[in-house]
C-alpha atoms as a PDB file:
ATOM      1  CA  MET A   1     -12.974   7.557 -29.016  1.00  0.00           C
ATOM      2  CA  LEU A   2      -8.916   7.838 -29.126  1.00  0.00           C
ATOM      3  CA  LEU A   3      -7.811   9.446 -32.370  1.00  0.00           C
ATOM      4  CA  LEU A   4      -4.444   9.247 -34.156  1.00  0.00           C
ATOM      5  CA  THR A   5      -4.562  11.797 -37.047  1.00  0.00           C
ATOM      6  CA  SER A   6      -1.038  12.195 -38.082  1.00  0.00           C
ATOM      7  CA  THR A   7       1.619   9.854 -39.394  1.00  0.00           C
ATOM      8  CA  SER A   8       3.685  10.583 -36.204  1.00  0.00           C
ATOM      9  CA  ASP A   9       0.746   9.547 -33.833  1.00  0.00           C
ATOM     10  CA  LEU A  10       1.358   6.517 -31.798  1.00  0.00           C
ATOM     11  CA  ILE A  11      -0.136   4.694 -28.815  1.00  0.00           C
ATOM     12  CA  GLN A  12       2.419   3.102 -26.553  1.00  0.00           C
ATOM     13  CA  VAL A  13       2.442   1.034 -23.486  1.00  0.00           C
ATOM     14  CA  ILE A  14       5.223   1.457 -20.978  1.00  0.00           C
ATOM     15  CA  THR A  15       5.880  -1.473 -18.634  1.00  0.00           C
ATOM     16  CA  GLY A  16       7.739  -0.830 -15.459  1.00  0.00           C
ATOM     17  CA  SER A  17       9.282  -4.147 -14.971  1.00  0.00           C
ATOM     18  CA  ALA A  18       9.843  -7.401 -16.698  1.00  0.00           C
ATOM     19  CA  GLY A  19       6.430  -9.606 -16.862  1.00  0.00           C
ATOM     20  CA  ASP A  20       3.989 -10.701 -19.459  1.00  0.00           C
ATOM     21  CA  HIS A  21       1.719  -8.014 -20.915  1.00  0.00           C
ATOM     22  CA  GLU A  22      -0.766  -8.984 -23.723  1.00  0.00           C
ATOM     23  CA  VAL A  23      -2.067  -5.974 -25.708  1.00  0.00           C
ATOM     24  CA  HIS A  24      -4.985  -5.998 -28.277  1.00  0.00           C
ATOM     25  CA  ALA A  25      -6.294  -2.877 -30.100  1.00  0.00           C
ATOM     26  CA  SER A  26      -9.049  -2.530 -32.741  1.00  0.00           C
ATOM     27  CA  TRP A  27      -9.565   0.620 -34.823  1.00  0.00           C
ATOM     28  CA  LEU A  28     -11.398   2.165 -37.949  1.00  0.00           C
ATOM     29  CA  ASP A  29      -9.446   4.127 -40.459  1.00  0.00           C
ATOM     30  CA  ASN A  30     -11.158   6.907 -42.344  1.00  0.00           C
ATOM     31  CA  ALA A  31      -9.353   7.882 -45.361  1.00  0.00           C
ATOM     32  CA  ALA A  32     -11.482  10.674 -47.217  1.00  0.00           C
ATOM     33  CA  GLY A  33     -14.659   8.678 -46.324  1.00  0.00           C
ATOM     34  CA  THR A  34     -13.382   5.184 -46.966  1.00  0.00           C
ATOM     35  CA  ILE A  35     -13.716   3.185 -43.661  1.00  0.00           C
ATOM     36  CA  THR A  36     -11.133   0.395 -43.137  1.00  0.00           C
ATOM     37  CA  PRO A  37     -11.190  -1.737 -40.059  1.00  0.00           C
ATOM     38  CA  GLY A  38      -7.794  -2.747 -38.387  1.00  0.00           C
ATOM     39  CA  ARG A  39      -6.442  -4.380 -35.229  1.00  0.00           C
ATOM     40  CA  THR A  40      -3.207  -5.414 -33.653  1.00  0.00           C
ATOM     41  CA  ASN A  41      -2.197  -8.082 -31.224  1.00  0.00           C
ATOM     42  CA  THR A  42       1.149  -7.054 -29.995  1.00  0.00           C
ATOM     43  CA  ALA A  43       3.601  -9.759 -29.195  1.00  0.00           C
ATOM     44  CA  SER A  44       3.869 -10.358 -25.355  1.00  0.00           C
ATOM     45  CA  ILE A  45       5.671  -7.638 -23.554  1.00  0.00           C
ATOM     46  CA  THR A  46       8.196  -9.455 -21.309  1.00  0.00           C
ATOM     47  CA  THR A  47      10.634  -6.595 -20.323  1.00  0.00           C
ATOM     48  CA  ALA A  48      10.513  -3.244 -18.990  1.00  0.00           C
ATOM     49  CA  ALA A  49      10.031  -1.199 -22.345  1.00  0.00           C
ATOM     50  CA  THR A  50       8.242   1.275 -24.326  1.00  0.00           C
ATOM     51  CA  THR A  51       6.226  -0.677 -26.872  1.00  0.00           C
ATOM     52  CA  THR A  52       4.068   0.610 -29.569  1.00  0.00           C
ATOM     53  CA  VAL A  53       0.775  -1.065 -29.538  1.00  0.00           C
ATOM     54  CA  VAL A  54      -1.053   1.207 -32.094  1.00  0.00           C
ATOM     55  CA  GLY A  55       0.848   2.392 -35.081  1.00  0.00           C
ATOM     56  CA  SER A  56       0.455   5.601 -36.975  1.00  0.00           C
ATOM     57  CA  PRO A  57      -2.155   5.988 -39.857  1.00  0.00           C
ATOM     58  CA  GLY A  58      -1.230   6.625 -43.521  1.00  0.00           C
ATOM     59  CA  ALA A  59      -1.317   9.992 -44.663  1.00  0.00           C
ATOM     60  CA  SER A  60      -4.740  11.757 -44.929  1.00  0.00           C
ATOM     61  CA  THR A  61      -5.970   9.112 -42.727  1.00  0.00           C
ATOM     62  CA  GLN A  62      -7.849   9.329 -39.395  1.00  0.00           C
ATOM     63  CA  ARG A  63      -7.420   6.237 -37.009  1.00  0.00           C
ATOM     64  CA  ASN A  64     -10.099   5.834 -34.300  1.00  0.00           C
ATOM     65  CA  VAL A  65      -9.158   3.349 -31.719  1.00  0.00           C
ATOM     66  CA  LYS A  66     -12.419   1.687 -30.793  1.00  0.00           C
ATOM     67  CA  HIS A  67     -10.834  -0.845 -28.251  1.00  0.00           C
ATOM     68  CA  LEU A  68      -7.466  -1.197 -26.407  1.00  0.00           C
ATOM     69  CA  ASN A  69      -7.073  -3.989 -23.842  1.00  0.00           C
ATOM     70  CA  VAL A  70      -3.940  -4.408 -21.878  1.00  0.00           C
ATOM     71  CA  TYR A  71      -3.630  -7.667 -19.822  1.00  0.00           C
ATOM     72  CA  ASN A  72      -1.131  -8.775 -17.159  1.00  0.00           C
ATOM     73  CA  ASN A  73      -0.825 -12.317 -18.025  1.00  0.00           C
ATOM     74  CA  HIS A  74       1.925 -12.944 -15.422  1.00  0.00           C
ATOM     75  CA  ALA A  75       1.216 -15.512 -12.851  1.00  0.00           C
ATOM     76  CA  SER A  76       2.227 -13.444  -9.785  1.00  0.00           C
ATOM     77  CA  GLN A  77       4.218 -10.299 -10.837  1.00  0.00           C
ATOM     78  CA  SER A  78       2.368  -6.847 -10.652  1.00  0.00           C
ATOM     79  CA  ASN A  79       3.741  -4.244 -13.004  1.00  0.00           C
ATOM     80  CA  LEU A  80       3.340  -0.409 -13.319  1.00  0.00           C
ATOM     81  CA  THR A  81       1.815   0.189 -16.532  1.00  0.00           C
ATOM     82  CA  THR A  82       1.464   3.460 -18.485  1.00  0.00           C
ATOM     83  CA  ILE A  83      -0.529   3.990 -21.689  1.00  0.00           C
ATOM     84  CA  GLN A  84       0.421   7.218 -23.561  1.00  0.00           C
ATOM     85  CA  HIS A  85      -0.322   9.172 -26.985  1.00  0.00           C
ATOM     86  CA  THR A  86       2.737  10.827 -28.709  1.00  0.00           C
ATOM     87  CA  ASP A  87       2.481  12.925 -31.678  1.00  0.00           C
ATOM     88  CA  GLY A  88       6.016  12.610 -32.183  1.00  0.00           C
ATOM     89  CA  THR A  89       6.814  15.702 -30.152  1.00  0.00           C
ATOM     90  CA  ASN A  90       4.661  15.698 -27.146  1.00  0.00           C
ATOM     91  CA  VAL A  91       3.644  12.679 -25.021  1.00  0.00           C
ATOM     92  CA  GLU A  92       0.491  12.558 -23.040  1.00  0.00           C
ATOM     93  CA  VAL A  93      -0.186   9.988 -20.412  1.00  0.00           C
ATOM     94  CA  LEU A  94      -3.781   8.460 -20.975  1.00  0.00           C
ATOM     95  CA  TRP A  95      -3.619   5.844 -18.082  1.00  0.00           C
ATOM     96  CA  LYS A  96      -1.234   4.807 -15.390  1.00  0.00           C
ATOM     97  CA  GLY A  97      -1.588   2.331 -12.576  1.00  0.00           C
ATOM     98  CA  THR A  98      -0.206  -0.852 -11.325  1.00  0.00           C
ATOM     99  CA  LEU A  99      -1.877  -3.807 -12.917  1.00  0.00           C
ATOM    100  CA  LEU A 100      -1.683  -6.947 -10.593  1.00  0.00           C
ATOM    101  CA  ALA A 101      -1.395 -10.262 -11.960  1.00  0.00           C
ATOM    102  CA  GLY A 102      -4.427 -11.165 -13.896  1.00  0.00           C
ATOM    103  CA  GLU A 103      -5.747  -7.684 -14.147  1.00  0.00           C
ATOM    104  CA  SER A 104      -6.916  -5.638 -17.328  1.00  0.00           C
ATOM    105  CA  ILE A 105      -7.171  -2.276 -18.224  1.00  0.00           C
ATOM    106  CA  VAL A 106      -9.676  -1.684 -21.270  1.00  0.00           C
ATOM    107  CA  LEU A 107     -10.601   1.401 -23.303  1.00  0.00           C
ATOM    108  CA  ASN A 108     -13.977   1.014 -24.911  1.00  0.00           C
ATOM    109  CA  ALA A 109     -15.351   2.949 -27.948  1.00  0.00           C
ATOM    110  CA  GLU A 110     -16.882   5.659 -25.716  1.00  0.00           C
ATOM    111  CA  GLY A 111     -13.478   6.554 -24.328  1.00  0.00           C
ATOM    112  CA  LYS A 112     -14.046   4.955 -21.027  1.00  0.00           C
ATOM    113  CA  TRP A 113     -11.278   3.309 -19.073  1.00  0.00           C
ATOM    114  CA  THR A 114     -12.249   0.222 -17.083  1.00  0.00           C
ATOM    115  CA  LEU A 115     -10.151  -1.847 -14.546  1.00  0.00           C
ATOM    116  CA  TYR A 116     -10.903  -5.517 -14.375  1.00  0.00           C
ATOM    117  CA  ASP A 117      -9.681  -7.852 -11.498  1.00  0.00           C
ATOM    118  CA  VAL A 118      -8.299 -11.368 -11.929  1.00  0.00           C
ATOM    119  CA  ASN A 119     -11.739 -12.793 -12.115  1.00  0.00           C
ATOM    120  CA  GLY A 120     -12.957 -10.368 -14.830  1.00  0.00           C
ATOM    121  CA  ASN A 121     -15.026  -8.196 -12.625  1.00  0.00           C
ATOM    122  CA  VAL A 122     -14.943  -4.436 -12.554  1.00  0.00           C
ATOM    123  CA  LYS A 123     -12.371  -3.584  -9.873  1.00  0.00           C
ATOM    124  CA  ALA A 124     -13.966  -1.334  -7.219  1.00  0.00           C
ATOM    125  CA  VAL A 125     -12.179   1.820  -6.446  1.00  0.00           C
ATOM    126  CA  VAL A 126     -10.954   1.828  -2.886  1.00  0.00           C
ATOM    127  CA  PHE A 127     -10.267   5.284  -1.344  1.00  0.00           C
ATOM    128  CA  PRO A 128      -7.805   5.539   1.383  1.00  0.00           C
ATOM    129  CA  ALA A 129      -9.001   5.757   4.916  1.00  0.00           C
ATOM    130  CA  ALA A 130      -9.563   9.082   6.167  1.00  0.00           C
ATOM    131  CA  THR A 131      -7.155   9.996   9.187  1.00  0.00           C
ATOM    132  CA  GLN A 132      -8.447  12.021  12.280  1.00  0.00           C
ATOM    133  CA  ALA A 133      -7.166  15.168  10.809  1.00  0.00           C
ATOM    134  CA  ASP A 134      -9.082  14.525   7.471  1.00  0.00           C
ATOM    135  CA  MET A 135     -12.305  13.946   9.338  1.00  0.00           C
ATOM    136  CA  GLU A 136     -11.747  17.184  11.544  1.00  0.00           C
ATOM    137  CA  ALA A 137     -10.947  19.274   8.388  1.00  0.00           C
ATOM    138  CA  GLY A 138     -14.028  17.859   6.759  1.00  0.00           C
ATOM    139  CA  ALA A 139     -12.859  18.993   3.180  1.00  0.00           C
ATOM    140  CA  SER A 140     -11.322  15.831   1.670  1.00  0.00           C
ATOM    141  CA  LEU A 141     -13.171  14.239  -1.438  1.00  0.00           C
ATOM    142  CA  ILE A 142     -10.688  11.584  -2.056  1.00  0.00           C
ATOM    143  CA  THR A 143     -10.649   9.727   1.358  1.00  0.00           C
ATOM    144  CA  SER A 144     -13.300   7.137   2.721  1.00  0.00           C
ATOM    145  CA  VAL A 145     -15.052   7.379   6.243  1.00  0.00           C
ATOM    146  CA  THR A 146     -14.321   4.303   8.594  1.00  0.00           C
ATOM    147  CA  PRO A 147     -16.440   3.620  11.520  1.00  0.00           C
ATOM    148  CA  GLY A 148     -13.688   4.221  13.909  1.00  0.00           C
ATOM    149  CA  ARG A 149     -13.055   7.803  12.766  1.00  0.00           C
ATOM    150  CA  GLN A 150     -16.545   9.056  11.648  1.00  0.00           C
ATOM    151  CA  GLN A 151     -17.171  10.568  14.907  1.00  0.00           C
ATOM    152  CA  PHE A 152     -14.127  13.233  14.433  1.00  0.00           C
ATOM    153  CA  HIS A 153     -16.098  15.126  11.666  1.00  0.00           C
ATOM    154  CA  PRO A 154     -17.291  18.563  12.791  1.00  0.00           C
ATOM    155  CA  SER A 155     -20.965  17.450  12.171  1.00  0.00           C
ATOM    156  CA  ALA A 156     -20.921  14.314  14.332  1.00  0.00           C
ATOM    157  CA  CYS A 157     -22.276  13.971  17.668  1.00  0.00           C
ATOM    158  CA  LYS A 158     -19.261  13.382  19.993  1.00  0.00           C
ATOM    159  CA  ALA A 159     -21.267  12.267  22.945  1.00  0.00           C
ATOM    160  CA  TRP A 160     -24.959  11.558  24.160  1.00  0.00           C
ATOM    161  CA  LEU A 161     -26.561  10.087  27.149  1.00  0.00           C
ATOM    162  CA  VAL A 162     -30.055   9.233  28.430  1.00  0.00           C
ATOM    163  CA  ALA A 163     -30.043   8.712  32.213  1.00  0.00           C
ATOM    164  CA  GLY A 164     -32.195   8.299  34.925  1.00  0.00           C
ATOM    165  CA  VAL A 165     -32.319  10.370  38.170  1.00  0.00           C
ATOM    166  CA  THR A 166     -30.350   7.999  40.403  1.00  0.00           C
ATOM    167  CA  GLY A 167     -26.984   8.334  38.463  1.00  0.00           C
ATOM    168  CA  ASN A 168     -27.945   5.483  36.197  1.00  0.00           C
ATOM    169  CA  ILE A 169     -27.065   5.407  32.454  1.00  0.00           C
ATOM    170  CA  LEU A 170     -29.987   3.911  30.426  1.00  0.00           C
ATOM    171  CA  ALA A 171     -28.232   4.361  26.976  1.00  0.00           C
ATOM    172  CA  SER A 172     -24.983   6.503  25.940  1.00  0.00           C
ATOM    173  CA  TYR A 173     -22.215   7.067  23.633  1.00  0.00           C
ATOM    174  CA  ASN A 174     -18.704   8.368  24.825  1.00  0.00           C
ATOM    175  CA  ILE A 175     -19.865   8.760  28.558  1.00  0.00           C
ATOM    176  CA  ASN A 176     -17.661   7.624  31.289  1.00  0.00           C
ATOM    177  CA  SER A 177     -20.210   7.952  34.223  1.00  0.00           C
ATOM    178  CA  VAL A 178     -22.917  10.111  35.663  1.00  0.00           C
ATOM    179  CA  THR A 179     -23.442  11.169  39.230  1.00  0.00           C
ATOM    180  CA  ASP A 180     -26.619  12.316  40.827  1.00  0.00           C
ATOM    181  CA  THR A 181     -25.181  15.244  42.565  1.00  0.00           C
ATOM    182  CA  GLY A 182     -28.456  16.427  44.339  1.00  0.00           C
ATOM    183  CA  THR A 183     -32.175  16.867  43.341  1.00  0.00           C
ATOM    184  CA  GLY A 184     -32.389  18.017  39.920  1.00  0.00           C
ATOM    185  CA  VAL A 185     -28.727  17.975  39.181  1.00  0.00           C
ATOM    186  CA  LEU A 186     -26.662  15.461  37.137  1.00  0.00           C
ATOM    187  CA  THR A 187     -23.003  15.691  36.726  1.00  0.00           C
ATOM    188  CA  ILE A 188     -21.580  13.908  33.567  1.00  0.00           C
ATOM    189  CA  THR A 189     -18.096  12.717  32.868  1.00  0.00           C
ATOM    190  CA  ILE A 190     -17.016  12.234  29.197  1.00  0.00           C
ATOM    191  CA  GLU A 191     -14.931   9.267  28.160  1.00  0.00           C
ATOM    192  CA  THR A 192     -12.837  11.068  25.377  1.00  0.00           C
ATOM    193  CA  ASP A 193     -12.514  14.798  26.349  1.00  0.00           C
ATOM    194  CA  PHE A 194     -13.226  17.803  24.132  1.00  0.00           C
ATOM    195  CA  SER A 195     -10.199  19.834  22.931  1.00  0.00           C
ATOM    196  CA  SER A 196     -11.563  22.885  24.998  1.00  0.00           C
ATOM    197  CA  VAL A 197     -14.520  24.113  26.838  1.00  0.00           C
ATOM    198  CA  ASN A 198     -15.941  25.520  23.701  1.00  0.00           C
ATOM    199  CA  TYR A 199     -18.300  22.761  22.699  1.00  0.00           C
ATOM    200  CA  VAL A 200     -22.258  22.542  22.315  1.00  0.00           C
ATOM    201  CA  CYS A 201     -24.088  20.762  25.123  1.00  0.00           C
ATOM    202  CA  GLN A 202     -27.790  20.261  24.574  1.00  0.00           C
ATOM    203  CA  VAL A 203     -30.226  19.124  27.363  1.00  0.00           C
ATOM    204  CA  SER A 204     -33.701  18.115  27.373  1.00  0.00           C
ATOM    205  CA  VAL A 205     -35.719  16.138  29.943  1.00  0.00           C
ATOM    206  CA  GLN A 206     -38.677  14.075  29.998  1.00  0.00           C
ATOM    207  CA  ALA A 207     -41.696  15.581  31.752  1.00  0.00           C
ATOM    208  CA  THR A 208     -43.059  14.020  34.933  1.00  0.00           C
ATOM    209  CA  GLY A 209     -46.796  14.059  33.697  1.00  0.00           C
ATOM    210  CA  THR A 210     -49.141  14.428  30.663  1.00  0.00           C
ATOM    211  CA  THR A 211     -51.025  17.309  32.383  1.00  0.00           C
ATOM    212  CA  TRP A 212     -49.355  20.817  32.084  1.00  0.00           C
ATOM    213  CA  ALA A 213     -49.880  21.698  35.828  1.00  0.00           C
ATOM    214  CA  VAL A 214     -46.929  23.647  36.984  1.00  0.00           C
ATOM    215  CA  ALA A 215     -45.809  21.033  39.114  1.00  0.00           C
ATOM    216  CA  ASN A 216     -45.227  18.663  36.146  1.00  0.00           C
ATOM    217  CA  ALA A 217     -43.366  21.286  33.776  1.00  0.00           C
ATOM    218  CA  ARG A 218     -39.711  20.860  33.688  1.00  0.00           C
ATOM    219  CA  GLU A 219     -37.013  23.312  32.439  1.00  0.00           C
ATOM    220  CA  CYS A 220     -33.504  22.314  32.007  1.00  0.00           C
ATOM    221  CA  HIS A 221     -29.924  24.048  31.574  1.00  0.00           C
ATOM    222  CA  ILE A 222     -26.290  23.654  31.723  1.00  0.00           C
ATOM    223  CA  ARG A 223     -25.505  24.165  35.243  1.00  0.00           C
ATOM    224  CA  SER A 224     -23.612  27.549  35.653  1.00  0.00           C
ATOM    225  CA  GLY A 225     -19.862  27.311  35.851  1.00  0.00           C
ATOM    226  CA  THR A 226     -19.481  23.456  35.296  1.00  0.00           C
ATOM    227  CA  ILE A 227     -18.437  23.288  31.584  1.00  0.00           C
ATOM    228  CA  ALA A 228     -14.974  21.512  31.350  1.00  0.00           C
ATOM    229  CA  ALA A 229     -13.359  19.934  28.576  1.00  0.00           C
ATOM    230  CA  GLY A 230     -14.112  16.251  30.302  1.00  0.00           C
ATOM    231  CA  SER A 231     -17.439  16.921  32.320  1.00  0.00           C
ATOM    232  CA  VAL A 232     -20.285  18.990  32.679  1.00  0.00           C
ATOM    233  CA  ALA A 233     -23.349  19.276  34.974  1.00  0.00           C
ATOM    234  CA  VAL A 234     -27.018  19.811  33.995  1.00  0.00           C
ATOM    235  CA  ASP A 235     -30.033  20.927  36.179  1.00  0.00           C
ATOM    236  CA  CYS A 236     -33.500  21.033  36.200  1.00  0.00           C
ATOM    237  CA  ILE A 237     -36.443  23.123  37.796  1.00  0.00           C
ATOM    238  CA  ASP A 238     -40.007  23.443  37.884  1.00  0.00           C
ATOM    239  CA  LYS A 239     -42.503  26.141  37.539  1.00  0.00           C
ATOM    240  CA  THR A 240     -44.200  26.343  40.965  1.00  0.00           C
ATOM    241  CA  THR A 241     -42.999  29.440  42.345  1.00  0.00           C
ATOM    242  CA  THR A 242     -41.504  32.690  41.168  1.00  0.00           C
ATOM    243  CA  THR A 243     -38.138  31.652  42.131  1.00  0.00           C
ATOM    244  CA  ASN A 244     -38.459  28.053  40.949  1.00  0.00           C
ATOM    245  CA  LEU A 245     -37.771  24.798  42.689  1.00  0.00           C
ATOM    246  CA  VAL A 246     -34.916  22.303  41.582  1.00  0.00           C
ATOM    247  CA  LYS A 247     -36.727  19.194  40.633  1.00  0.00           C
ATOM    248  CA  ASP A 248     -35.932  15.802  39.169  1.00  0.00           C
ATOM    249  CA  PRO A 249     -37.334  14.961  35.626  1.00  0.00           C
ATOM    250  CA  THR A 250     -38.230  11.463  34.688  1.00  0.00           C
ATOM    251  CA  THR A 251     -35.193  10.971  32.344  1.00  0.00           C
ATOM    252  CA  TRP A 252     -32.400  13.179  31.196  1.00  0.00           C
ATOM    253  CA  HIS A 253     -31.327  13.435  27.307  1.00  0.00           C
ATOM    254  CA  VAL A 254     -28.018  15.043  26.646  1.00  0.00           C
ATOM    255  CA  SER A 255     -26.051  15.329  23.455  1.00  0.00           C
ATOM    256  CA  MET A 256     -22.640  17.054  22.783  1.00  0.00           C
ATOM    257  CA  PHE A 257     -21.007  18.454  19.753  1.00  0.00           C
ATOM    258  CA  GLY A 258     -17.324  19.706  19.185  1.00  0.00           C
ATOM    259  CA  ASP A 259     -13.859  19.005  18.710  1.00  0.00           C
ATOM    260  CA  HIS A 260     -12.199  15.974  20.343  1.00  0.00           C
ATOM    261  CA  ALA A 261      -8.906  16.264  21.940  1.00  0.00           C
END
């Protein structure tokens, strides 16, 4: 609901430029329990102006605005439109936005504002696309995530890889190349580098058999001293001796998390 409770209260529409706004309002007046309906069709607003679209109620009367419809009837002109309540001293903005040609803003009896497009459909709210900085901050609640920037969020995987043991990539994201640099060793070159060496690299491998003989077991690691912003090496060993033997797995599985450069 929208109440006018004094003889100074008004609902006004401010048009930012010349155009053609059509405004309808319907209300109920309550004068000591006597309910009287009312309505106003405001003459077309064709100039940049402040126009009263719901007048003040009489003395000792409460005016409950049940419906307010502001329609931009211009064929092509958009118009910055403000709807406000004034009590004669204080002015409060109730809704403000640009109505494109053919659009309407409607207040219903429950006090909900709804914007309708030129086809009479509810106009979807479109949030601005998040920038890389927005995604990296991970805090905004008023921007939308696009496919080209989702990977910048701190929680997103920045690179991943499934590779064979001959330097062959089976599937990947943000991986430039891999090199089989020796038995049980794989060097990975990242496409878009991390901003520093402080990123997470998770490594796992596929075992070489379904029985858990020590020769089939595989243990994988980030290779010592190889972490760089744009590359990393991983290695794999078996459990056959106390000193372990470097061995190839069946396939390598690597994922990386951190901050892109």
